[in-house]
Amino acid sequence: MKTCISCGKQTKQYTEFESPEGEKIVRCKHCKETGVPYKTPAGFEGP
């Protein structure tokens, strides 16, 4: 299981990708589908 960067919940259904800074971003299915915003520790923001 991974932790969603948007909501902080543990999930088995997620998408994982890298930010332009090379950080791993994990988003749960719900947050990705509904466009919940997120911000990485390096400051990258996304929908």
PDB file of N, CA and C in Angstrom:
ATOM      1  N   MET A   1       0.840  -1.183   0.000  1.00  0.00           N
ATOM      2  CA  MET A   1       0.000   0.000   0.000  1.00  0.00           C
ATOM      3  C   MET A   1       0.885   1.246   0.000  1.00  0.00           C
ATOM      4  N   LYS A   2       0.348   2.287  -0.581  1.00  0.00           N
ATOM      5  CA  LYS A   2       1.066   3.565  -0.678  1.00  0.00           C
ATOM      6  C   LYS A   2       0.201   4.664  -0.054  1.00  0.00           C
ATOM      7  N   THR A   3       0.825   5.790   0.282  1.00  0.00           N
ATOM      8  CA  THR A   3       0.121   6.925   0.873  1.00  0.00           C
ATOM      9  C   THR A   3      -0.098   7.997  -0.185  1.00  0.00           C
ATOM     10  N   CYS A   4      -1.338   8.437  -0.318  1.00  0.00           N
ATOM     11  CA  CYS A   4      -1.717   9.472  -1.284  1.00  0.00           C
ATOM     12  C   CYS A   4      -1.166  10.824  -0.819  1.00  0.00           C
ATOM     13  N   ILE A   5      -0.526  11.562  -1.742  1.00  0.00           N
ATOM     14  CA  ILE A   5       0.027  12.875  -1.411  1.00  0.00           C
ATOM     15  C   ILE A   5      -1.079  13.911  -1.194  1.00  0.00           C
ATOM     16  N   SER A   6      -2.261  13.705  -1.772  1.00  0.00           N
ATOM     17  CA  SER A   6      -3.354  14.661  -1.648  1.00  0.00           C
ATOM     18  C   SER A   6      -4.131  14.512  -0.349  1.00  0.00           C
ATOM     19  N   CYS A   7      -4.557  13.290  -0.031  1.00  0.00           N
ATOM     20  CA  CYS A   7      -5.416  13.082   1.138  1.00  0.00           C
ATOM     21  C   CYS A   7      -4.707  12.408   2.310  1.00  0.00           C
ATOM     22  N   GLY A   8      -3.552  11.812   2.063  1.00  0.00           N
ATOM     23  CA  GLY A   8      -2.792  11.181   3.137  1.00  0.00           C
ATOM     24  C   GLY A   8      -3.253   9.784   3.522  1.00  0.00           C
ATOM     25  N   LYS A   9      -4.224   9.243   2.796  1.00  0.00           N
ATOM     26  CA  LYS A   9      -4.742   7.911   3.112  1.00  0.00           C
ATOM     27  C   LYS A   9      -3.900   6.816   2.469  1.00  0.00           C
ATOM     28  N   GLN A  10      -3.846   5.662   3.122  1.00  0.00           N
ATOM     29  CA  GLN A  10      -3.193   4.479   2.575  1.00  0.00           C
ATOM     30  C   GLN A  10      -4.140   3.861   1.547  1.00  0.00           C
ATOM     31  N   THR A  11      -3.613   3.444   0.402  1.00  0.00           N
ATOM     32  CA  THR A  11      -4.463   2.882  -0.643  1.00  0.00           C
ATOM     33  C   THR A  11      -3.728   1.828  -1.459  1.00  0.00           C
ATOM     34  N   LYS A  12      -4.508   0.926  -2.017  1.00  0.00           N
ATOM     35  CA  LYS A  12      -3.973  -0.074  -2.944  1.00  0.00           C
ATOM     36  C   LYS A  12      -4.223   0.353  -4.386  1.00  0.00           C
ATOM     37  N   GLN A  13      -5.187   1.270  -4.584  1.00  0.00           N
ATOM     38  CA  GLN A  13      -5.523   1.761  -5.920  1.00  0.00           C
ATOM     39  C   GLN A  13      -4.923   3.152  -6.077  1.00  0.00           C
ATOM     40  N   TYR A  14      -3.788   3.232  -6.784  1.00  0.00           N
ATOM     41  CA  TYR A  14      -3.084   4.499  -6.906  1.00  0.00           C
ATOM     42  C   TYR A  14      -2.373   4.618  -8.247  1.00  0.00           C
ATOM     43  N   THR A  15      -1.972   5.849  -8.528  1.00  0.00           N
ATOM     44  CA  THR A  15      -1.129   6.155  -9.675  1.00  0.00           C
ATOM     45  C   THR A  15       0.156   6.741  -9.120  1.00  0.00           C
ATOM     46  N   GLU A  16       1.298   6.301  -9.653  1.00  0.00           N
ATOM     47  CA  GLU A  16       2.589   6.808  -9.186  1.00  0.00           C
ATOM     48  C   GLU A  16       3.357   7.368 -10.378  1.00  0.00           C
ATOM     49  N   PHE A  17       3.902   8.580 -10.210  1.00  0.00           N
ATOM     50  CA  PHE A  17       4.674   9.212 -11.271  1.00  0.00           C
ATOM     51  C   PHE A  17       5.686  10.157 -10.645  1.00  0.00           C
ATOM     52  N   GLU A  18       6.565  10.735 -11.471  1.00  0.00           N
ATOM     53  CA  GLU A  18       7.590  11.638 -10.973  1.00  0.00           C
ATOM     54  C   GLU A  18       7.243  13.084 -11.303  1.00  0.00           C
ATOM     55  N   SER A  19       7.566  13.988 -10.377  1.00  0.00           N
ATOM     56  CA  SER A  19       7.415  15.416 -10.626  1.00  0.00           C
ATOM     57  C   SER A  19       8.592  15.876 -11.477  1.00  0.00           C
ATOM     58  N   PRO A  20       8.560  17.100 -12.011  1.00  0.00           N
ATOM     59  CA  PRO A  20       9.700  17.602 -12.781  1.00  0.00           C
ATOM     60  C   PRO A  20      11.003  17.627 -11.972  1.00  0.00           C
ATOM     61  N   GLU A  21      10.896  17.706 -10.651  1.00  0.00           N
ATOM     62  CA  GLU A  21      12.070  17.688  -9.781  1.00  0.00           C
ATOM     63  C   GLU A  21      12.573  16.278  -9.503  1.00  0.00           C
ATOM     64  N   GLY A  22      11.856  15.260  -9.988  1.00  0.00           N
ATOM     65  CA  GLY A  22      12.257  13.876  -9.796  1.00  0.00           C
ATOM     66  C   GLY A  22      11.679  13.216  -8.550  1.00  0.00           C
ATOM     67  N   GLU A  23      10.751  13.887  -7.871  1.00  0.00           N
ATOM     68  CA  GLU A  23      10.115  13.310  -6.684  1.00  0.00           C
ATOM     69  C   GLU A  23       9.032  12.320  -7.093  1.00  0.00           C
ATOM     70  N   LYS A  24       8.860  11.258  -6.335  1.00  0.00           N
ATOM     71  CA  LYS A  24       7.781  10.293  -6.574  1.00  0.00           C
ATOM     72  C   LYS A  24       6.485  10.888  -6.033  1.00  0.00           C
ATOM     73  N   ILE A  25       5.446  10.861  -6.857  1.00  0.00           N
ATOM     74  CA  ILE A  25       4.126  11.340  -6.471  1.00  0.00           C
ATOM     75  C   ILE A  25       3.175  10.161  -6.522  1.00  0.00           C
ATOM     76  N   VAL A  26       2.438   9.937  -5.435  1.00  0.00           N
ATOM     77  CA  VAL A  26       1.451   8.863  -5.357  1.00  0.00           C
ATOM     78  C   VAL A  26       0.100   9.513  -5.103  1.00  0.00           C
ATOM     79  N   ARG A  27      -0.864   9.187  -5.963  1.00  0.00           N
ATOM     80  CA  ARG A  27      -2.221   9.717  -5.796  1.00  0.00           C
ATOM     81  C   ARG A  27      -3.209   8.570  -5.829  1.00  0.00           C
ATOM     82  N   CYS A  28      -4.159   8.590  -4.896  1.00  0.00           N
ATOM     83  CA  CYS A  28      -5.182   7.546  -4.870  1.00  0.00           C
ATOM     84  C   CYS A  28      -6.156   7.766  -6.031  1.00  0.00           C
ATOM     85  N   LYS A  29      -6.891   6.740  -6.353  1.00  0.00           N
ATOM     86  CA  LYS A  29      -7.832   6.786  -7.468  1.00  0.00           C
ATOM     87  C   LYS A  29      -8.842   7.916  -7.295  1.00  0.00           C
ATOM     88  N   HIS A  30      -9.370   8.079  -6.090  1.00  0.00           N
ATOM     89  CA  HIS A  30     -10.388   9.106  -5.835  1.00  0.00           C
ATOM     90  C   HIS A  30      -9.829  10.518  -6.065  1.00  0.00           C
ATOM     91  N   CYS A  31      -8.670  10.824  -5.485  1.00  0.00           N
ATOM     92  CA  CYS A  31      -8.093  12.164  -5.621  1.00  0.00           C
ATOM     93  C   CYS A  31      -7.720  12.472  -7.064  1.00  0.00           C
ATOM     94  N   LYS A  32      -7.227  11.482  -7.784  1.00  0.00           N
ATOM     95  CA  LYS A  32      -6.879  11.695  -9.192  1.00  0.00           C
ATOM     96  C   LYS A  32      -8.128  11.979 -10.016  1.00  0.00           C
ATOM     97  N   GLU A  33      -9.180  11.183  -9.819  1.00  0.00           N
ATOM     98  CA  GLU A  33     -10.412  11.340 -10.599  1.00  0.00           C
ATOM     99  C   GLU A  33     -11.125  12.653 -10.299  1.00  0.00           C
ATOM    100  N   THR A  34     -11.052  13.139  -9.053  1.00  0.00           N
ATOM    101  CA  THR A  34     -11.766  14.352  -8.679  1.00  0.00           C
ATOM    102  C   THR A  34     -10.898  15.602  -8.760  1.00  0.00           C
ATOM    103  N   GLY A  35      -9.609  15.445  -9.075  1.00  0.00           N
ATOM    104  CA  GLY A  35      -8.727  16.596  -9.259  1.00  0.00           C
ATOM    105  C   GLY A  35      -8.334  17.312  -7.985  1.00  0.00           C
ATOM    106  N   VAL A  36      -8.204  16.581  -6.894  1.00  0.00           N
ATOM    107  CA  VAL A  36      -7.799  17.175  -5.624  1.00  0.00           C
ATOM    108  C   VAL A  36      -6.358  17.692  -5.770  1.00  0.00           C
ATOM    109  N   PRO A  37      -6.113  18.958  -5.397  1.00  0.00           N
ATOM    110  CA  PRO A  37      -4.760  19.501  -5.555  1.00  0.00           C
ATOM    111  C   PRO A  37      -3.745  18.860  -4.609  1.00  0.00           C
ATOM    112  N   TYR A  38      -2.462  18.982  -4.979  1.00  0.00           N
ATOM    113  CA  TYR A  38      -1.382  18.462  -4.152  1.00  0.00           C
ATOM    114  C   TYR A  38      -0.173  19.364  -4.295  1.00  0.00           C
ATOM    115  N   LYS A  39       0.758  19.269  -3.338  1.00  0.00           N
ATOM    116  CA  LYS A  39       1.993  20.026  -3.381  1.00  0.00           C
ATOM    117  C   LYS A  39       3.098  19.136  -2.833  1.00  0.00           C
ATOM    118  N   THR A  40       4.193  18.991  -3.587  1.00  0.00           N
ATOM    119  CA  THR A  40       5.317  18.163  -3.149  1.00  0.00           C
ATOM    120  C   THR A  40       6.195  18.956  -2.182  1.00  0.00           C
ATOM    121  N   PRO A  41       7.061  18.284  -1.434  1.00  0.00           N
ATOM    122  CA  PRO A  41       7.976  18.997  -0.534  1.00  0.00           C
ATOM    123  C   PRO A  41       8.859  20.019  -1.257  1.00  0.00           C
ATOM    124  N   ALA A  42       9.177  19.778  -2.544  1.00  0.00           N
ATOM    125  CA  ALA A  42      10.011  20.702  -3.313  1.00  0.00           C
ATOM    126  C   ALA A  42       9.206  21.885  -3.850  1.00  0.00           C
ATOM    127  N   GLY A  43       7.876  21.860  -3.682  1.00  0.00           N
ATOM    128  CA  GLY A  43       7.040  22.978  -4.106  1.00  0.00           C
ATOM    129  C   GLY A  43       6.276  22.811  -5.397  1.00  0.00           C
ATOM    130  N   PHE A  44       6.394  21.651  -6.050  1.00  0.00           N
ATOM    131  CA  PHE A  44       5.630  21.411  -7.279  1.00  0.00           C
ATOM    132  C   PHE A  44       4.163  21.223  -6.919  1.00  0.00           C
ATOM    133  N   GLU A  45       3.271  21.928  -7.627  1.00  0.00           N
ATOM    134  CA  GLU A  45       1.832  21.822  -7.369  1.00  0.00           C
ATOM    135  C   GLU A  45       1.117  21.280  -8.581  1.00  0.00           C
ATOM    136  N   GLY A  46       0.066  20.522  -8.326  1.00  0.00           N
ATOM    137  CA  GLY A  46      -0.714  19.964  -9.416  1.00  0.00           C
ATOM    138  C   GLY A  46      -2.175  19.778  -9.032  1.00  0.00           C
ATOM    139  N   PRO A  47      -2.981  19.558 -10.041  1.00  0.00           N
ATOM    140  CA  PRO A  47      -4.418  19.354  -9.800  1.00  0.00           C
ATOM    141  C   PRO A  47      -4.728  17.967  -9.296  1.00  0.00           C
TER     142      PRO A  47
END
